[in-house]
Amino acid sequence: MIDFKNKIKKLKRGPQAIMPKDIGLIITETGIGKDSKILEAGTGSGMLTSYLANICKKIITYERRKDFYELSKNNFKNIGFKNIKIINKDISESKEKNIDVMILDLPNPEDYINIAKNSLNKEGYLVCYLPHITQIQSLLSHLEGLRLMRVTELMRRDWLFEDNRIRPKSKIIGHTAFLVFIKNI
């Protein structure tokens, strides 16, 4: 575990990465574990993919941008996971089946609802990572055949312990994105 923590800190960053506070909620809300098969789109630098690969059976991730694909591919090589399959295409080309959790870090997840319906196991989860409420509104108008479980966001406020003073730190990790949890029915 300590080795993973050191390796994850060395990942090269490019695009904005999903924060660990959000990754933890994705794992706990969906029940991702050692037997889980995950489909992801919007790999970016591979931060989320790496955290998930550390605990799941298999993750297939799609990144359509060549520069992000190369960055994340190199990050995965350096971290040494063997359970990640990265594909340099749009997820609309996916033919994956029997997926436990599908995660979309894309601005337009509503365009991939049919992929989710065809890929997810019954009771499988679709998780969308969206920074804007207008994106959620658009997504929710396309959920036919899927059930909205939760829309949430996490704020993080660390505390300062100095001498005899205990108070919240001034820097707060506030809004990063909304997490939308949807279940296949």
C-alpha atoms as a PDB file:
ATOM      1  CA  MET A   1       0.000   0.000   0.000  1.00  0.00           C
ATOM      2  CA  ILE A   2       2.798   2.444   0.856  1.00  0.00           C
ATOM      3  CA  ASP A   3       4.471   1.678  -2.477  1.00  0.00           C
ATOM      4  CA  PHE A   4       1.232   2.589  -4.308  1.00  0.00           C
ATOM      5  CA  LYS A   5       0.955   5.878  -2.408  1.00  0.00           C
ATOM      6  CA  ASN A   6       4.504   6.805  -3.426  1.00  0.00           C
ATOM      7  CA  LYS A   7       3.905   5.828  -7.053  1.00  0.00           C
ATOM      8  CA  ILE A   8       0.627   7.733  -7.346  1.00  0.00           C
ATOM      9  CA  LYS A   9       2.366  10.906  -6.154  1.00  0.00           C
ATOM     10  CA  LYS A  10       4.803  10.589  -9.072  1.00  0.00           C
ATOM     11  CA  LEU A  11       2.173  10.436 -11.816  1.00  0.00           C
ATOM     12  CA  LYS A  12       2.714  13.130 -14.423  1.00  0.00           C
ATOM     13  CA  ARG A  13      -0.241  15.480 -14.548  1.00  0.00           C
ATOM     14  CA  GLY A  14      -1.810  17.017 -17.600  1.00  0.00           C
ATOM     15  CA  PRO A  15      -5.528  17.676 -17.494  1.00  0.00           C
ATOM     16  CA  GLN A  16      -7.382  18.324 -14.252  1.00  0.00           C
ATOM     17  CA  ALA A  17      -7.494  15.106 -12.241  1.00  0.00           C
ATOM     18  CA  ILE A  18     -10.341  13.796 -10.123  1.00  0.00           C
ATOM     19  CA  MET A  19      -9.521  14.477  -6.472  1.00  0.00           C
ATOM     20  CA  PRO A  20      -9.001  11.618  -3.974  1.00  0.00           C
ATOM     21  CA  LYS A  21     -12.002  12.873  -1.953  1.00  0.00           C
ATOM     22  CA  ASP A  22     -14.216  12.211  -4.984  1.00  0.00           C
ATOM     23  CA  ILE A  23     -12.497   8.922  -5.854  1.00  0.00           C
ATOM     24  CA  GLY A  24     -13.245   7.617  -2.360  1.00  0.00           C
ATOM     25  CA  LEU A  25     -16.934   8.403  -2.714  1.00  0.00           C
ATOM     26  CA  ILE A  26     -17.087   6.712  -6.130  1.00  0.00           C
ATOM     27  CA  ILE A  27     -15.580   3.557  -4.609  1.00  0.00           C
ATOM     28  CA  THR A  28     -17.849   3.470  -1.581  1.00  0.00           C
ATOM     29  CA  GLU A  29     -21.114   4.390  -3.339  1.00  0.00           C
ATOM     30  CA  THR A  30     -20.674   1.794  -6.076  1.00  0.00           C
ATOM     31  CA  GLY A  31     -19.047  -0.960  -4.036  1.00  0.00           C
ATOM     32  CA  ILE A  32     -16.008  -1.299  -6.305  1.00  0.00           C
ATOM     33  CA  GLY A  33     -13.851  -4.176  -5.079  1.00  0.00           C
ATOM     34  CA  LYS A  34     -11.469  -6.950  -6.083  1.00  0.00           C
ATOM     35  CA  ASP A  35     -13.940  -8.604  -8.492  1.00  0.00           C
ATOM     36  CA  SER A  36     -15.178  -5.414 -10.173  1.00  0.00           C
ATOM     37  CA  LYS A  37     -14.905  -4.778 -13.895  1.00  0.00           C
ATOM     38  CA  ILE A  38     -14.897  -1.063 -14.723  1.00  0.00           C
ATOM     39  CA  LEU A  39     -15.375   0.875 -17.953  1.00  0.00           C
ATOM     40  CA  GLU A  40     -14.141   4.466 -17.954  1.00  0.00           C
ATOM     41  CA  ALA A  41     -13.998   7.334 -20.428  1.00  0.00           C
ATOM     42  CA  GLY A  42     -12.004  10.526 -20.130  1.00  0.00           C
ATOM     43  CA  THR A  43      -8.810   8.958 -18.807  1.00  0.00           C
ATOM     44  CA  GLY A  44      -6.855  12.212 -18.722  1.00  0.00           C
ATOM     45  CA  SER A  45      -3.609  11.602 -16.835  1.00  0.00           C
ATOM     46  CA  GLY A  46      -4.953   8.346 -15.359  1.00  0.00           C
ATOM     47  CA  MET A  47      -5.284   9.375 -11.712  1.00  0.00           C
ATOM     48  CA  LEU A  48      -8.756   7.854 -11.189  1.00  0.00           C
ATOM     49  CA  THR A  49      -7.835   4.818 -13.291  1.00  0.00           C
ATOM     50  CA  SER A  50      -4.777   4.159 -11.128  1.00  0.00           C
ATOM     51  CA  TYR A  51      -6.669   4.368  -7.847  1.00  0.00           C
ATOM     52  CA  LEU A  52      -9.326   2.005  -9.194  1.00  0.00           C
ATOM     53  CA  ALA A  53      -6.811  -0.433 -10.722  1.00  0.00           C
ATOM     54  CA  ASN A  54      -5.257  -0.762  -7.289  1.00  0.00           C
ATOM     55  CA  ILE A  55      -8.460  -2.390  -5.977  1.00  0.00           C
ATOM     56  CA  CYS A  56     -10.434  -3.814  -8.920  1.00  0.00           C
ATOM     57  CA  LYS A  57     -10.125  -6.849 -11.165  1.00  0.00           C
ATOM     58  CA  LYS A  58     -10.031  -5.021 -14.522  1.00  0.00           C
ATOM     59  CA  ILE A  59     -10.455  -1.519 -15.888  1.00  0.00           C
ATOM     60  CA  ILE A  60     -10.941  -0.610 -19.540  1.00  0.00           C
ATOM     61  CA  THR A  61     -10.430   3.072 -20.161  1.00  0.00           C
ATOM     62  CA  TYR A  62     -11.059   5.159 -23.271  1.00  0.00           C
ATOM     63  CA  GLU A  63      -9.199   8.383 -24.029  1.00  0.00           C
ATOM     64  CA  ARG A  64      -9.819   9.930 -27.431  1.00  0.00           C
ATOM     65  CA  ARG A  65      -7.156  12.656 -27.180  1.00  0.00           C
ATOM     66  CA  LYS A  66      -3.796  11.303 -28.340  1.00  0.00           C
ATOM     67  CA  ASP A  67      -1.746  13.530 -25.989  1.00  0.00           C
ATOM     68  CA  PHE A  68      -3.732  12.431 -22.901  1.00  0.00           C
ATOM     69  CA  TYR A  69      -3.646   8.817 -24.103  1.00  0.00           C
ATOM     70  CA  GLU A  70       0.178   8.901 -24.321  1.00  0.00           C
ATOM     71  CA  LEU A  71       0.476  10.622 -20.930  1.00  0.00           C
ATOM     72  CA  SER A  72      -1.744   8.125 -19.137  1.00  0.00           C
ATOM     73  CA  LYS A  73      -0.228   5.142 -20.980  1.00  0.00           C
ATOM     74  CA  ASN A  74       3.222   6.181 -19.708  1.00  0.00           C
ATOM     75  CA  ASN A  75       1.843   6.754 -16.210  1.00  0.00           C
ATOM     76  CA  PHE A  76       0.332   3.241 -16.180  1.00  0.00           C
ATOM     77  CA  LYS A  77       3.615   1.759 -17.382  1.00  0.00           C
ATOM     78  CA  ASN A  78       5.516   3.540 -14.614  1.00  0.00           C
ATOM     79  CA  ILE A  79       3.082   2.488 -11.917  1.00  0.00           C
ATOM     80  CA  GLY A  80       3.153  -1.129 -13.135  1.00  0.00           C
ATOM     81  CA  PHE A  81      -0.502  -2.195 -13.252  1.00  0.00           C
ATOM     82  CA  LYS A  82      -1.374  -5.181 -15.439  1.00  0.00           C
ATOM     83  CA  ASN A  83      -5.172  -4.888 -15.118  1.00  0.00           C
ATOM     84  CA  ILE A  84      -5.602  -1.685 -17.165  1.00  0.00           C
ATOM     85  CA  LYS A  85      -6.518  -1.707 -20.834  1.00  0.00           C
ATOM     86  CA  ILE A  86      -6.292   1.779 -22.369  1.00  0.00           C
ATOM     87  CA  ILE A  87      -7.851   2.498 -25.755  1.00  0.00           C
ATOM     88  CA  ASN A  88      -7.178   5.619 -27.842  1.00  0.00           C
ATOM     89  CA  LYS A  89     -10.745   5.984 -29.177  1.00  0.00           C
ATOM     90  CA  ASP A  90     -14.047   7.514 -28.238  1.00  0.00           C
ATOM     91  CA  ILE A  91     -16.062   5.339 -25.872  1.00  0.00           C
ATOM     92  CA  SER A  92     -18.897   5.324 -28.410  1.00  0.00           C
ATOM     93  CA  GLU A  93     -16.897   2.543 -30.114  1.00  0.00           C
ATOM     94  CA  SER A  94     -16.980   0.348 -26.996  1.00  0.00           C
ATOM     95  CA  LYS A  95     -18.576  -3.088 -27.241  1.00  0.00           C
ATOM     96  CA  GLU A  96     -17.861  -4.008 -23.612  1.00  0.00           C
ATOM     97  CA  LYS A  97     -20.391  -6.113 -21.706  1.00  0.00           C
ATOM     98  CA  ASN A  98     -20.791  -7.284 -18.105  1.00  0.00           C
ATOM     99  CA  ILE A  99     -19.483  -4.048 -16.617  1.00  0.00           C
ATOM    100  CA  ASP A 100     -20.063  -3.401 -12.921  1.00  0.00           C
ATOM    101  CA  VAL A 101     -19.314   0.333 -12.960  1.00  0.00           C
ATOM    102  CA  MET A 102     -19.007   2.792 -15.845  1.00  0.00           C
ATOM    103  CA  ILE A 103     -17.430   6.177 -15.088  1.00  0.00           C
ATOM    104  CA  LEU A 104     -17.655   9.124 -17.463  1.00  0.00           C
ATOM    105  CA  ASP A 105     -15.451  12.164 -16.941  1.00  0.00           C
ATOM    106  CA  LEU A 106     -16.780  13.818 -20.087  1.00  0.00           C
ATOM    107  CA  PRO A 107     -18.666  17.069 -20.686  1.00  0.00           C
ATOM    108  CA  ASN A 108     -21.559  15.320 -22.461  1.00  0.00           C
ATOM    109  CA  PRO A 109     -22.341  11.989 -20.732  1.00  0.00           C
ATOM    110  CA  GLU A 110     -25.903  12.008 -22.078  1.00  0.00           C
ATOM    111  CA  ASP A 111     -24.442  11.112 -25.493  1.00  0.00           C
ATOM    112  CA  TYR A 112     -23.298   7.768 -24.039  1.00  0.00           C
ATOM    113  CA  ILE A 113     -26.441   6.576 -22.245  1.00  0.00           C
ATOM    114  CA  ASN A 114     -27.010   3.766 -24.770  1.00  0.00           C
ATOM    115  CA  ILE A 115     -23.412   2.588 -24.307  1.00  0.00           C
ATOM    116  CA  ALA A 116     -24.066   2.477 -20.545  1.00  0.00           C
ATOM    117  CA  LYS A 117     -27.323   0.521 -20.963  1.00  0.00           C
ATOM    118  CA  ASN A 118     -25.634  -2.008 -23.256  1.00  0.00           C
ATOM    119  CA  SER A 119     -22.469  -2.351 -21.172  1.00  0.00           C
ATOM    120  CA  LEU A 120     -23.648  -2.389 -17.573  1.00  0.00           C
ATOM    121  CA  ASN A 121     -24.715  -5.452 -15.648  1.00  0.00           C
ATOM    122  CA  LYS A 122     -28.201  -5.330 -14.202  1.00  0.00           C
ATOM    123  CA  GLU A 123     -27.884  -3.088 -11.129  1.00  0.00           C
ATOM    124  CA  GLY A 124     -24.526  -1.789 -12.432  1.00  0.00           C
ATOM    125  CA  TYR A 125     -23.633   1.850 -11.812  1.00  0.00           C
ATOM    126  CA  LEU A 126     -23.020   4.738 -14.170  1.00  0.00           C
ATOM    127  CA  VAL A 127     -21.087   7.538 -12.478  1.00  0.00           C
ATOM    128  CA  CYS A 128     -20.716  10.927 -14.144  1.00  0.00           C
ATOM    129  CA  TYR A 129     -18.234  13.548 -12.974  1.00  0.00           C
ATOM    130  CA  LEU A 130     -19.629  16.959 -13.922  1.00  0.00           C
ATOM    131  CA  PRO A 131     -18.477  20.425 -12.844  1.00  0.00           C
ATOM    132  CA  HIS A 132     -21.629  22.317 -13.936  1.00  0.00           C
ATOM    133  CA  ILE A 133     -25.246  21.961 -12.871  1.00  0.00           C
ATOM    134  CA  THR A 134     -26.385  22.591 -16.449  1.00  0.00           C
ATOM    135  CA  GLN A 135     -24.587  19.385 -17.469  1.00  0.00           C
ATOM    136  CA  ILE A 136     -26.577  17.491 -14.854  1.00  0.00           C
ATOM    137  CA  GLN A 137     -29.822  18.966 -16.166  1.00  0.00           C
ATOM    138  CA  SER A 138     -28.994  17.761 -19.659  1.00  0.00           C
ATOM    139  CA  LEU A 139     -27.986  14.307 -18.419  1.00  0.00           C
ATOM    140  CA  LEU A 140     -31.146  13.840 -16.351  1.00  0.00           C
ATOM    141  CA  SER A 141     -33.348  14.460 -19.374  1.00  0.00           C
ATOM    142  CA  HIS A 142     -31.811  11.379 -21.088  1.00  0.00           C
ATOM    143  CA  LEU A 143     -32.034   8.696 -18.374  1.00  0.00           C
ATOM    144  CA  GLU A 144     -34.777   6.501 -19.837  1.00  0.00           C
ATOM    145  CA  GLY A 145     -34.189   2.958 -18.592  1.00  0.00           C
ATOM    146  CA  LEU A 146     -31.795   4.097 -15.867  1.00  0.00           C
ATOM    147  CA  ARG A 147     -32.521   5.260 -12.318  1.00  0.00           C
ATOM    148  CA  LEU A 148     -30.967   8.316 -10.711  1.00  0.00           C
ATOM    149  CA  MET A 149     -29.644   7.354  -7.289  1.00  0.00           C
ATOM    150  CA  ARG A 150     -27.874  10.472  -6.093  1.00  0.00           C
ATOM    151  CA  VAL A 151     -26.332  13.788  -7.096  1.00  0.00           C
ATOM    152  CA  THR A 152     -23.764  15.018  -4.614  1.00  0.00           C
ATOM    153  CA  GLU A 153     -20.617  17.069  -4.127  1.00  0.00           C
ATOM    154  CA  LEU A 154     -17.970  16.902  -1.439  1.00  0.00           C
ATOM    155  CA  MET A 155     -16.250  19.749   0.316  1.00  0.00           C
ATOM    156  CA  ARG A 156     -13.069  19.225   2.299  1.00  0.00           C
ATOM    157  CA  ARG A 157     -11.871  21.410   5.154  1.00  0.00           C
ATOM    158  CA  ASP A 158      -8.720  20.356   6.997  1.00  0.00           C
ATOM    159  CA  TRP A 159      -7.926  21.537  10.498  1.00  0.00           C
ATOM    160  CA  LEU A 160      -4.815  23.206  11.869  1.00  0.00           C
ATOM    161  CA  PHE A 161      -3.319  22.012  15.166  1.00  0.00           C
ATOM    162  CA  GLU A 162      -0.638  24.424  16.452  1.00  0.00           C
ATOM    163  CA  ASP A 163       0.414  24.806  20.053  1.00  0.00           C
ATOM    164  CA  ASN A 164      -2.840  25.527  21.895  1.00  0.00           C
ATOM    165  CA  ARG A 165      -4.745  26.611  18.793  1.00  0.00           C
ATOM    166  CA  ILE A 166      -7.131  24.375  16.905  1.00  0.00           C
ATOM    167  CA  ARG A 167      -9.024  25.890  14.008  1.00  0.00           C
ATOM    168  CA  PRO A 168      -9.995  25.209  10.409  1.00  0.00           C
ATOM    169  CA  LYS A 169      -7.256  25.869   7.876  1.00  0.00           C
ATOM    170  CA  SER A 170      -7.884  28.843   5.646  1.00  0.00           C
ATOM    171  CA  LYS A 171      -7.554  26.834   2.444  1.00  0.00           C
ATOM    172  CA  ILE A 172     -10.624  24.733   1.695  1.00  0.00           C
ATOM    173  CA  ILE A 173     -10.972  22.238  -1.115  1.00  0.00           C
ATOM    174  CA  GLY A 174     -14.427  23.271  -2.189  1.00  0.00           C
ATOM    175  CA  HIS A 175     -16.374  22.437  -5.302  1.00  0.00           C
ATOM    176  CA  THR A 176     -14.511  20.244  -7.759  1.00  0.00           C
ATOM    177  CA  ALA A 177     -17.467  18.617  -9.481  1.00  0.00           C
ATOM    178  CA  PHE A 178     -20.810  16.988  -8.905  1.00  0.00           C
ATOM    179  CA  LEU A 179     -20.913  13.222  -8.748  1.00  0.00           C
ATOM    180  CA  VAL A 180     -23.996  11.737 -10.358  1.00  0.00           C
ATOM    181  CA  PHE A 181     -24.754   8.111  -9.448  1.00  0.00           C
ATOM    182  CA  ILE A 182     -27.129   6.284 -11.774  1.00  0.00           C
ATOM    183  CA  LYS A 183     -28.164   2.640 -11.644  1.00  0.00           C
ATOM    184  CA  ASN A 184     -29.018   0.286 -14.492  1.00  0.00           C
ATOM    185  CA  ILE A 185     -32.472  -1.232 -13.966  1.00  0.00           C
END
